[in-house]
Amino acid sequence: MKRVLLLGDSIRMGYDEYVKELLAGEFEVIYDDVDNGRFAAYTLWQANQFFKHYGKFDVVHWNNGYWDMNVEAPMKEAIHPVDEYVYFLGRILEQIRQNGAVPIFATTTPILPKEAEAALIKEGVPRAYYEKEWVEQYNAAAVAFMRSEGVAVNNLYSLCLEDEHYYKCPDLLHLTEAGYRRCAEKTAQAIRKAAL
């Protein structure tokens, strides 16, 4: 049976179990169900741990973005400015290829525009500290890099735009169960296609 590794942040953790269910009997799906991949440099380390302990994979599907663009006080800039983000995506890609796996990169899911947040936000819940424009900038850089490298892109950003509220739950960052299930369906399709 072919083996698939899922890497990425808490968005990945929201859909990984559904992907495993959808691909049952076709693929052995492996992921970390305790820790997420955080920013790209951390995912680089995490990927290395999986390759060291599990050996070869046929497909690796991964995402990074939200943690990379995070500006956490007292920092004044993102953990990974865009050029560093793309650099570490390249390091991850190199590791995946050295493992002999087919890579699939998933885009970061969208952030609601400020004027649309009122429909979801509850009193006392702070606004997400990410900006719609940041996500678009990081996605554009990542997609351009992946295209230059011939890597398949699983466009979860566009998928979430299909829903009026982008499948956002009240924290304005993570997704509803329906959103995670839709992401899982699209991810399973991308994995099946990559494994042909």
Protein backbone atom coordinates (compact mmCIF):
# COMPACT_ATOMS: atom_id res chain seq x y z
CA MET A 1 0.00 0.00 0.00
CA LYS A 2 1.28 3.46 -0.86
CA ARG A 3 2.21 5.78 2.00
CA VAL A 4 1.26 9.43 2.40
CA LEU A 5 2.69 11.96 4.86
CA LEU A 6 0.63 15.00 5.84
CA LEU A 7 2.57 17.96 7.22
CA GLY A 8 1.44 21.44 8.18
CA ASP A 9 -0.09 23.70 10.77
CA SER A 10 -3.33 23.45 12.78
CA ILE A 11 -5.41 23.72 9.60
CA ARG A 12 -3.85 20.41 8.54
CA MET A 13 -4.67 18.99 11.95
CA GLY A 14 -8.32 19.85 11.30
CA TYR A 15 -8.61 17.72 8.18
CA ASP A 16 -5.96 14.99 8.50
CA GLU A 17 -8.26 12.42 10.14
CA TYR A 18 -10.88 12.97 7.44
CA VAL A 19 -8.22 12.45 4.75
CA LYS A 20 -7.23 9.19 6.43
CA GLU A 21 -10.86 8.05 6.40
CA LEU A 22 -11.32 8.99 2.73
CA LEU A 23 -8.16 7.15 1.66
CA ALA A 24 -8.66 4.07 3.84
CA GLY A 25 -7.82 0.92 1.91
CA GLU A 26 -5.90 2.92 -0.73
CA PHE A 27 -3.11 4.63 1.22
CA GLU A 28 -1.45 4.45 4.59
CA VAL A 29 -1.84 8.04 5.82
CA ILE A 30 0.65 9.25 8.44
CA TYR A 31 0.70 12.54 10.35
CA ASP A 32 1.51 13.97 13.76
CA ASP A 33 -1.73 14.05 15.73
CA VAL A 34 -0.16 15.86 18.70
CA ASP A 35 2.00 18.64 17.24
CA ASN A 36 1.57 20.79 14.17
CA GLY A 37 4.21 21.98 11.72
CA ARG A 38 4.00 25.61 12.84
CA PHE A 39 6.32 27.73 10.65
CA ALA A 40 8.26 26.41 7.67
CA ALA A 41 11.58 25.96 9.51
CA TYR A 42 9.80 23.81 12.09
CA THR A 43 8.11 21.76 9.37
CA LEU A 44 11.56 21.21 7.83
CA TRP A 45 12.71 19.69 11.13
CA GLN A 46 9.46 17.73 11.52
CA ALA A 47 9.70 16.29 7.99
CA ASN A 48 13.21 15.10 8.73
CA GLN A 49 11.96 13.30 11.85
CA PHE A 50 9.28 11.48 9.88
CA PHE A 51 11.71 10.48 7.13
CA LYS A 52 14.19 9.25 9.74
CA HIS A 53 11.64 7.19 11.67
CA TYR A 54 9.23 6.06 8.91
CA GLY A 55 11.43 5.79 5.83
CA LYS A 56 10.05 6.28 2.35
CA PHE A 57 6.76 7.90 1.38
CA ASP A 58 5.04 7.98 -1.98
CA VAL A 59 3.39 11.38 -1.50
CA VAL A 60 3.97 14.27 0.92
CA HIS A 61 1.24 16.90 1.20
CA TRP A 62 2.08 19.99 3.23
CA ASN A 63 1.22 23.57 4.03
CA ASN A 64 2.81 26.45 5.90
CA GLY A 65 1.87 30.09 6.13
CA TYR A 66 -0.03 31.36 9.15
CA TRP A 67 2.83 30.83 11.59
CA ASP A 68 5.36 32.21 9.11
CA MET A 69 3.49 35.50 8.70
CA ASN A 70 2.84 35.78 12.44
CA VAL A 71 4.13 38.96 14.10
CA GLU A 72 4.21 38.04 17.77
CA ALA A 73 4.96 40.91 20.18
CA PRO A 74 7.50 42.12 20.99
CA MET A 75 8.70 41.10 17.51
CA LYS A 76 8.29 43.79 14.86
CA GLU A 77 8.23 41.60 11.76
CA ALA A 78 6.98 38.19 10.71
CA ILE A 79 8.72 35.07 11.98
CA HIS A 80 9.58 34.39 8.35
CA PRO A 81 9.38 37.37 6.01
CA VAL A 82 8.28 36.28 2.53
CA ASP A 83 11.79 35.64 1.17
CA GLU A 84 12.66 33.45 4.17
CA TYR A 85 9.31 31.68 3.85
CA VAL A 86 10.05 30.73 0.25
CA TYR A 87 13.60 29.72 1.19
CA PHE A 88 12.36 27.26 3.80
CA LEU A 89 9.66 25.94 1.47
CA GLY A 90 12.52 25.17 -0.89
CA ARG A 91 14.40 23.32 1.86
CA ILE A 92 11.29 21.26 2.64
CA LEU A 93 10.80 20.49 -1.04
CA GLU A 94 14.41 19.37 -1.35
CA GLN A 95 13.95 16.99 1.58
CA ILE A 96 10.76 15.55 0.11
CA ARG A 97 12.46 14.91 -3.22
CA GLN A 98 15.46 13.32 -1.51
CA ASN A 99 12.99 10.98 0.18
CA GLY A 100 11.69 10.00 -3.27
CA ALA A 101 8.16 11.26 -2.61
CA VAL A 102 5.88 13.29 -4.85
CA PRO A 103 5.29 16.71 -3.27
CA ILE A 104 1.96 18.56 -3.05
CA PHE A 105 1.81 22.04 -1.54
CA ALA A 106 -1.43 23.42 -0.08
CA THR A 107 -2.13 27.15 -0.01
CA THR A 108 -3.02 28.99 3.19
CA THR A 109 -6.75 29.39 3.75
CA PRO A 110 -8.18 32.93 3.43
CA ILE A 111 -8.84 35.52 6.11
CA LEU A 112 -12.20 37.29 6.12
CA PRO A 113 -12.17 40.97 5.20
CA LYS A 114 -12.72 43.14 8.28
CA GLU A 115 -16.22 44.20 7.21
CA ALA A 116 -17.33 40.54 7.00
CA GLU A 117 -16.16 39.53 10.48
CA ALA A 118 -19.20 40.84 12.38
CA ALA A 119 -21.31 37.91 11.16
CA LEU A 120 -19.06 35.44 12.97
CA ILE A 121 -17.36 37.22 15.82
CA LYS A 122 -18.72 36.91 19.34
CA GLU A 123 -18.38 39.56 22.00
CA GLY A 124 -15.04 39.30 23.74
CA VAL A 125 -13.38 37.34 20.93
CA PRO A 126 -10.41 39.33 19.64
CA ARG A 127 -9.94 39.88 15.94
CA ALA A 128 -7.50 37.51 14.28
CA TYR A 129 -4.06 39.09 14.09
CA TYR A 130 -3.58 38.05 10.47
CA GLU A 131 -4.49 40.22 7.52
CA LYS A 132 -6.18 39.15 4.30
CA GLU A 133 -3.43 40.85 2.29
CA TRP A 134 -0.70 38.96 4.14
CA VAL A 135 -2.22 35.63 3.18
CA GLU A 136 -2.52 36.71 -0.44
CA GLN A 137 1.12 37.87 -0.52
CA TYR A 138 2.50 34.69 1.03
CA ASN A 139 0.31 32.47 -1.15
CA ALA A 140 1.36 34.30 -4.32
CA ALA A 141 5.04 33.84 -3.47
CA ALA A 142 4.59 30.18 -2.58
CA VAL A 143 2.53 29.36 -5.68
CA ALA A 144 5.03 31.11 -7.98
CA PHE A 145 7.85 29.11 -6.42
CA MET A 146 5.96 25.80 -6.63
CA ARG A 147 5.08 26.42 -10.27
CA SER A 148 8.73 27.15 -11.06
CA GLU A 149 9.58 23.79 -9.47
CA GLY A 150 6.77 21.85 -11.17
CA VAL A 151 5.03 21.09 -7.85
CA ALA A 152 1.29 20.45 -7.71
CA VAL A 153 -0.63 23.03 -5.68
CA ASN A 154 -3.74 22.11 -3.70
CA ASN A 155 -5.58 25.43 -3.67
CA LEU A 156 -7.37 25.38 -0.32
CA TYR A 157 -7.52 29.19 -0.46
CA SER A 158 -9.87 29.12 -3.45
CA LEU A 159 -11.83 26.22 -2.00
CA CYS A 160 -12.68 28.20 1.14
CA LEU A 161 -13.79 31.20 -0.91
CA GLU A 162 -16.74 29.07 -2.06
CA ASP A 163 -18.38 29.57 1.34
CA GLU A 164 -19.91 32.90 2.34
CA HIS A 165 -17.82 33.00 5.53
CA TYR A 166 -14.82 31.08 4.13
CA TYR A 167 -15.75 28.19 6.47
CA LYS A 168 -14.35 30.22 9.37
CA CYS A 169 -15.29 29.42 12.95
CA PRO A 170 -15.66 32.25 15.51
CA ASP A 171 -11.91 32.49 16.20
CA LEU A 172 -11.69 33.82 12.60
CA LEU A 173 -8.69 31.61 11.84
CA HIS A 174 -9.63 27.93 12.05
CA LEU A 175 -12.37 26.22 10.05
CA THR A 176 -15.74 24.72 10.73
CA GLU A 177 -16.18 20.97 10.50
CA ALA A 178 -17.77 21.45 7.07
CA GLY A 179 -14.69 23.40 5.99
CA TYR A 180 -12.31 20.74 7.20
CA ARG A 181 -14.31 18.04 5.44
CA ARG A 182 -14.20 20.02 2.17
CA CYS A 183 -10.44 20.47 2.56
CA ALA A 184 -10.09 16.74 3.19
CA GLU A 185 -12.03 15.89 0.04
CA LYS A 186 -9.86 18.16 -2.09
CA THR A 187 -6.69 16.89 -0.44
CA ALA A 188 -7.64 13.25 -0.99
CA GLN A 189 -8.29 14.02 -4.68
CA ALA A 190 -4.88 15.69 -4.99
CA ILE A 191 -3.16 12.72 -3.36
CA ARG A 192 -4.88 10.19 -5.62
CA LYS A 193 -3.85 12.22 -8.68
CA ALA A 194 -0.24 12.57 -7.49
CA ALA A 195 0.07 8.85 -6.81
CA LEU A 196 -0.92 7.75 -10.33
